Amino acid sequence: MVMLKTVVRVGIADMNIVKVPDTIRTSGLGSCVGVVLYDETKKIAGLVHVMLPDSSLGRTAQLNVAKFADTGIYSLMEMLKNEGVRPLSLKAKIAGGSQMFQFGSSDTIRIGPRNVEAVKKELTRLSIPIIGEDTGGSSGRTIEFDPETCKLSIRTVNAGTIEI
């Protein structure tokens, strides 16, 4: 029996979860960070496309939890818990957080590095170990995670593809 694979796409400031045989992908990771949470034994994974480090930066009354590191990672963990995943069995892989613009050094310009710091802080707070990461640099990335192999494929603009 052939199992058809679906690639579930996650947009900017968005999140979703997949089970085998499907994979999950997001593109347009510049200063944004793609955070994959997965459970190796249950073969389930979630991906959140984090745009900003902290929900206190939210300007609207209706908060998009997927947009921020602090709210997005927690919400993704809750989604996975609803699928029967134990939080202690979760692992993480992260990619993105590029410094897309090289002018200035003010904190507003350093969104990429600040996103990476915020993601790591939140993963530490939730006791989720980071198994692999490809962060920083100055190029955009597209990532795709396969819960069957637990491999994160990272395609970097002008630099080819790597797996972590």
C-alpha atoms as a PDB file:
ATOM      1  CA  MET A   1       0.000   0.000   0.000  1.00  0.00           C
ATOM      2  CA  VAL A   2       1.399   3.347  -1.058  1.00  0.00           C
ATOM      3  CA  MET A   3       0.974   6.149   1.446  1.00  0.00           C
ATOM      4  CA  LEU A   4       0.637   9.518  -0.219  1.00  0.00           C
ATOM      5  CA  LYS A   5       2.735  12.250   1.294  1.00  0.00           C
ATOM      6  CA  THR A   6       1.260  15.675   1.758  1.00  0.00           C
ATOM      7  CA  VAL A   7       3.468  18.674   2.380  1.00  0.00           C
ATOM      8  CA  VAL A   8       1.694  20.846   4.933  1.00  0.00           C
ATOM      9  CA  ARG A   9       2.699  24.457   4.390  1.00  0.00           C
ATOM     10  CA  VAL A  10       3.048  26.874   7.283  1.00  0.00           C
ATOM     11  CA  GLY A  11       2.890  30.576   6.497  1.00  0.00           C
ATOM     12  CA  ILE A  12       4.587  33.475   8.217  1.00  0.00           C
ATOM     13  CA  ALA A  13       3.364  33.859  11.824  1.00  0.00           C
ATOM     14  CA  ASP A  14       1.532  30.545  11.448  1.00  0.00           C
ATOM     15  CA  MET A  15       1.760  27.016  12.881  1.00  0.00           C
ATOM     16  CA  ASN A  16       0.528  23.508  12.238  1.00  0.00           C
ATOM     17  CA  ILE A  17       1.212  19.858  13.073  1.00  0.00           C
ATOM     18  CA  VAL A  18       1.697  16.711  10.957  1.00  0.00           C
ATOM     19  CA  LYS A  19       1.854  12.961  11.388  1.00  0.00           C
ATOM     20  CA  VAL A  20       3.637  10.381   9.234  1.00  0.00           C
ATOM     21  CA  PRO A  21       3.673  10.141   6.229  1.00  0.00           C
ATOM     22  CA  ASP A  22       3.189  13.909   5.810  1.00  0.00           C
ATOM     23  CA  THR A  23       5.954  16.492   6.037  1.00  0.00           C
ATOM     24  CA  ILE A  24       5.755  20.125   7.125  1.00  0.00           C
ATOM     25  CA  ARG A  25       7.404  23.093   5.410  1.00  0.00           C
ATOM     26  CA  THR A  26       7.817  26.829   5.749  1.00  0.00           C
ATOM     27  CA  SER A  27       9.618  29.270   3.492  1.00  0.00           C
ATOM     28  CA  GLY A  28      10.600  32.887   3.751  1.00  0.00           C
ATOM     29  CA  LEU A  29      12.653  32.447   6.918  1.00  0.00           C
ATOM     30  CA  GLY A  30      14.765  35.585   6.963  1.00  0.00           C
ATOM     31  CA  SER A  31      14.945  37.109  10.425  1.00  0.00           C
ATOM     32  CA  CYS A  32      12.078  34.747  11.342  1.00  0.00           C
ATOM     33  CA  VAL A  33      12.838  31.444  13.087  1.00  0.00           C
ATOM     34  CA  GLY A  34      11.246  28.129  12.175  1.00  0.00           C
ATOM     35  CA  VAL A  35      10.812  26.019  15.310  1.00  0.00           C
ATOM     36  CA  VAL A  36      10.067  22.314  14.894  1.00  0.00           C
ATOM     37  CA  LEU A  37       8.859  20.367  17.931  1.00  0.00           C
ATOM     38  CA  TYR A  38       8.658  16.616  17.447  1.00  0.00           C
ATOM     39  CA  ASP A  39       8.139  13.286  19.178  1.00  0.00           C
ATOM     40  CA  GLU A  40      10.322  10.556  17.652  1.00  0.00           C
ATOM     41  CA  THR A  41       8.270   7.633  18.965  1.00  0.00           C
ATOM     42  CA  LYS A  42       4.821   8.981  18.043  1.00  0.00           C
ATOM     43  CA  LYS A  43       6.108  10.249  14.645  1.00  0.00           C
ATOM     44  CA  ILE A  44       4.376  13.585  15.035  1.00  0.00           C
ATOM     45  CA  ALA A  45       5.779  17.077  14.595  1.00  0.00           C
ATOM     46  CA  GLY A  46       4.722  20.688  14.732  1.00  0.00           C
ATOM     47  CA  LEU A  47       6.200  23.802  13.181  1.00  0.00           C
ATOM     48  CA  VAL A  48       5.783  27.434  14.188  1.00  0.00           C
ATOM     49  CA  HIS A  49       7.099  30.307  12.030  1.00  0.00           C
ATOM     50  CA  VAL A  50       8.155  32.887  14.649  1.00  0.00           C
ATOM     51  CA  MET A  51       8.326  36.485  13.439  1.00  0.00           C
ATOM     52  CA  LEU A  52       9.091  38.432  16.608  1.00  0.00           C
ATOM     53  CA  PRO A  53      10.744  37.600  19.937  1.00  0.00           C
ATOM     54  CA  ASP A  54       8.133  38.746  22.436  1.00  0.00           C
ATOM     55  CA  SER A  55       4.335  39.106  22.482  1.00  0.00           C
ATOM     56  CA  SER A  56       4.686  42.392  24.369  1.00  0.00           C
ATOM     57  CA  LEU A  57       5.602  43.779  20.915  1.00  0.00           C
ATOM     58  CA  GLY A  58       2.043  42.973  19.752  1.00  0.00           C
ATOM     59  CA  ARG A  59       0.251  46.084  18.565  1.00  0.00           C
ATOM     60  CA  THR A  60      -3.273  44.729  18.166  1.00  0.00           C
ATOM     61  CA  ALA A  61      -5.951  43.640  20.610  1.00  0.00           C
ATOM     62  CA  GLN A  62      -6.282  40.291  18.801  1.00  0.00           C
ATOM     63  CA  LEU A  63      -2.937  38.593  19.423  1.00  0.00           C
ATOM     64  CA  ASN A  64      -1.653  36.123  16.815  1.00  0.00           C
ATOM     65  CA  VAL A  65       0.108  33.665  19.152  1.00  0.00           C
ATOM     66  CA  ALA A  66       2.108  32.058  16.293  1.00  0.00           C
ATOM     67  CA  LYS A  67       3.830  35.373  15.557  1.00  0.00           C
ATOM     68  CA  PHE A  68       5.908  35.477  18.748  1.00  0.00           C
ATOM     69  CA  ALA A  69       8.535  33.157  20.269  1.00  0.00           C
ATOM     70  CA  ASP A  70       7.071  33.240  23.773  1.00  0.00           C
ATOM     71  CA  THR A  71       3.468  32.491  22.807  1.00  0.00           C
ATOM     72  CA  GLY A  72       4.021  30.452  19.617  1.00  0.00           C
ATOM     73  CA  ILE A  73       6.255  27.718  21.015  1.00  0.00           C
ATOM     74  CA  TYR A  74       4.019  27.228  24.041  1.00  0.00           C
ATOM     75  CA  SER A  75       0.881  27.093  21.865  1.00  0.00           C
ATOM     76  CA  LEU A  76       2.514  24.561  19.525  1.00  0.00           C
ATOM     77  CA  MET A  77       3.420  22.384  22.522  1.00  0.00           C
ATOM     78  CA  GLU A  78      -0.226  22.579  23.659  1.00  0.00           C
ATOM     79  CA  MET A  79      -1.422  21.507  20.178  1.00  0.00           C
ATOM     80  CA  LEU A  80       0.907  18.489  20.326  1.00  0.00           C
ATOM     81  CA  LYS A  81      -0.276  17.671  23.873  1.00  0.00           C
ATOM     82  CA  ASN A  82      -3.833  17.582  22.511  1.00  0.00           C
ATOM     83  CA  GLU A  83      -2.612  14.870  20.098  1.00  0.00           C
ATOM     84  CA  GLY A  84      -1.372  12.751  23.013  1.00  0.00           C
ATOM     85  CA  VAL A  85       2.271  13.838  23.040  1.00  0.00           C
ATOM     86  CA  ARG A  86       3.943  14.089  26.442  1.00  0.00           C
ATOM     87  CA  PRO A  87       5.829  17.417  26.671  1.00  0.00           C
ATOM     88  CA  LEU A  88       8.852  15.641  28.189  1.00  0.00           C
ATOM     89  CA  SER A  89       9.232  13.553  25.016  1.00  0.00           C
ATOM     90  CA  LEU A  90       9.490  16.627  22.767  1.00  0.00           C
ATOM     91  CA  LYS A  91      12.688  17.656  20.990  1.00  0.00           C
ATOM     92  CA  ALA A  92      13.350  20.755  18.914  1.00  0.00           C
ATOM     93  CA  LYS A  93      15.174  21.746  15.750  1.00  0.00           C
ATOM     94  CA  ILE A  94      15.425  25.401  14.778  1.00  0.00           C
ATOM     95  CA  ALA A  95      16.486  27.362  11.699  1.00  0.00           C
ATOM     96  CA  GLY A  96      16.452  30.975  10.556  1.00  0.00           C
ATOM     97  CA  GLY A  97      17.177  34.138  12.479  1.00  0.00           C
ATOM     98  CA  SER A  98      19.275  35.729   9.745  1.00  0.00           C
ATOM     99  CA  GLN A  99      20.597  39.247  10.026  1.00  0.00           C
ATOM    100  CA  MET A 100      18.978  40.364   6.780  1.00  0.00           C
ATOM    101  CA  PHE A 101      20.091  44.001   6.825  1.00  0.00           C
ATOM    102  CA  GLN A 102      23.612  45.012   7.705  1.00  0.00           C
ATOM    103  CA  PHE A 103      23.081  48.657   8.597  1.00  0.00           C
ATOM    104  CA  GLY A 104      22.865  49.936  12.140  1.00  0.00           C
ATOM    105  CA  SER A 105      23.045  47.999  15.384  1.00  0.00           C
ATOM    106  CA  SER A 106      19.936  49.123  17.226  1.00  0.00           C
ATOM    107  CA  ASP A 107      17.751  46.381  18.675  1.00  0.00           C
ATOM    108  CA  THR A 108      15.008  46.994  16.111  1.00  0.00           C
ATOM    109  CA  ILE A 109      17.454  46.022  13.370  1.00  0.00           C
ATOM    110  CA  ARG A 110      18.714  42.917  15.227  1.00  0.00           C
ATOM    111  CA  ILE A 111      15.408  41.035  14.928  1.00  0.00           C
ATOM    112  CA  GLY A 112      17.019  37.806  13.645  1.00  0.00           C
ATOM    113  CA  PRO A 113      19.483  37.325  16.528  1.00  0.00           C
ATOM    114  CA  ARG A 114      16.839  38.461  19.045  1.00  0.00           C
ATOM    115  CA  ASN A 115      14.387  35.897  17.640  1.00  0.00           C
ATOM    116  CA  VAL A 116      16.964  33.119  18.048  1.00  0.00           C
ATOM    117  CA  GLU A 117      17.681  34.195  21.651  1.00  0.00           C
ATOM    118  CA  ALA A 118      13.953  34.328  22.480  1.00  0.00           C
ATOM    119  CA  VAL A 119      13.304  30.890  20.902  1.00  0.00           C
ATOM    120  CA  LYS A 120      16.171  29.319  22.882  1.00  0.00           C
ATOM    121  CA  LYS A 121      14.994  30.979  26.098  1.00  0.00           C
ATOM    122  CA  GLU A 122      11.435  29.657  25.634  1.00  0.00           C
ATOM    123  CA  LEU A 123      12.623  26.122  24.734  1.00  0.00           C
ATOM    124  CA  THR A 124      14.809  26.127  27.856  1.00  0.00           C
ATOM    125  CA  ARG A 125      11.879  27.352  29.957  1.00  0.00           C
ATOM    126  CA  LEU A 126       9.757  24.463  28.636  1.00  0.00           C
ATOM    127  CA  SER A 127      12.639  21.950  29.088  1.00  0.00           C
ATOM    128  CA  ILE A 128      12.657  21.045  25.379  1.00  0.00           C
ATOM    129  CA  PRO A 129      16.186  20.171  24.178  1.00  0.00           C
ATOM    130  CA  ILE A 130      17.470  21.625  20.894  1.00  0.00           C
ATOM    131  CA  ILE A 131      18.798  18.677  18.863  1.00  0.00           C
ATOM    132  CA  GLY A 132      19.892  20.686  15.828  1.00  0.00           C
ATOM    133  CA  GLU A 133      20.050  24.264  14.643  1.00  0.00           C
ATOM    134  CA  ASP A 134      21.010  26.317  11.611  1.00  0.00           C
ATOM    135  CA  THR A 135      20.643  29.955  12.635  1.00  0.00           C
ATOM    136  CA  GLY A 136      22.197  33.307  11.859  1.00  0.00           C
ATOM    137  CA  GLY A 137      23.973  34.304   8.684  1.00  0.00           C
ATOM    138  CA  SER A 138      22.449  36.694   6.194  1.00  0.00           C
ATOM    139  CA  SER A 139      20.461  34.460   3.809  1.00  0.00           C
ATOM    140  CA  GLY A 140      16.853  33.368   3.740  1.00  0.00           C
ATOM    141  CA  ARG A 141      15.882  29.723   4.270  1.00  0.00           C
ATOM    142  CA  THR A 142      13.157  27.221   3.447  1.00  0.00           C
ATOM    143  CA  ILE A 143      12.822  24.286   5.830  1.00  0.00           C
ATOM    144  CA  GLU A 144      10.971  20.980   5.661  1.00  0.00           C
ATOM    145  CA  PHE A 145      10.667  18.424   8.458  1.00  0.00           C
ATOM    146  CA  ASP A 146       9.877  14.733   8.062  1.00  0.00           C
ATOM    147  CA  PRO A 147       8.493  13.146  11.267  1.00  0.00           C
ATOM    148  CA  GLU A 148       9.349   9.669   9.888  1.00  0.00           C
ATOM    149  CA  THR A 149      13.123  10.339   9.786  1.00  0.00           C
ATOM    150  CA  CYS A 150      13.177  13.330  12.199  1.00  0.00           C
ATOM    151  CA  LYS A 151      15.368  15.106   9.649  1.00  0.00           C
ATOM    152  CA  LEU A 152      15.093  18.823   9.003  1.00  0.00           C
ATOM    153  CA  SER A 153      16.018  19.762   5.451  1.00  0.00           C
ATOM    154  CA  ILE A 154      17.216  23.367   5.179  1.00  0.00           C
ATOM    155  CA  ARG A 155      17.540  25.058   1.812  1.00  0.00           C
ATOM    156  CA  THR A 156      19.502  28.283   2.092  1.00  0.00           C
ATOM    157  CA  VAL A 157      19.449  30.919  -0.647  1.00  0.00           C
ATOM    158  CA  ASN A 158      22.725  30.620  -2.662  1.00  0.00           C
ATOM    159  CA  ALA A 159      24.061  27.867  -0.369  1.00  0.00           C
ATOM    160  CA  GLY A 160      22.290  24.627  -1.252  1.00  0.00           C
ATOM    161  CA  THR A 161      20.549  22.213   1.097  1.00  0.00           C
ATOM    162  CA  ILE A 162      21.691  20.635   4.361  1.00  0.00           C
ATOM    163  CA  GLU A 163      20.009  18.203   6.757  1.00  0.00           C
ATOM    164  CA  ILE A 164      20.110  18.327  10.529  1.00  0.00           C
END
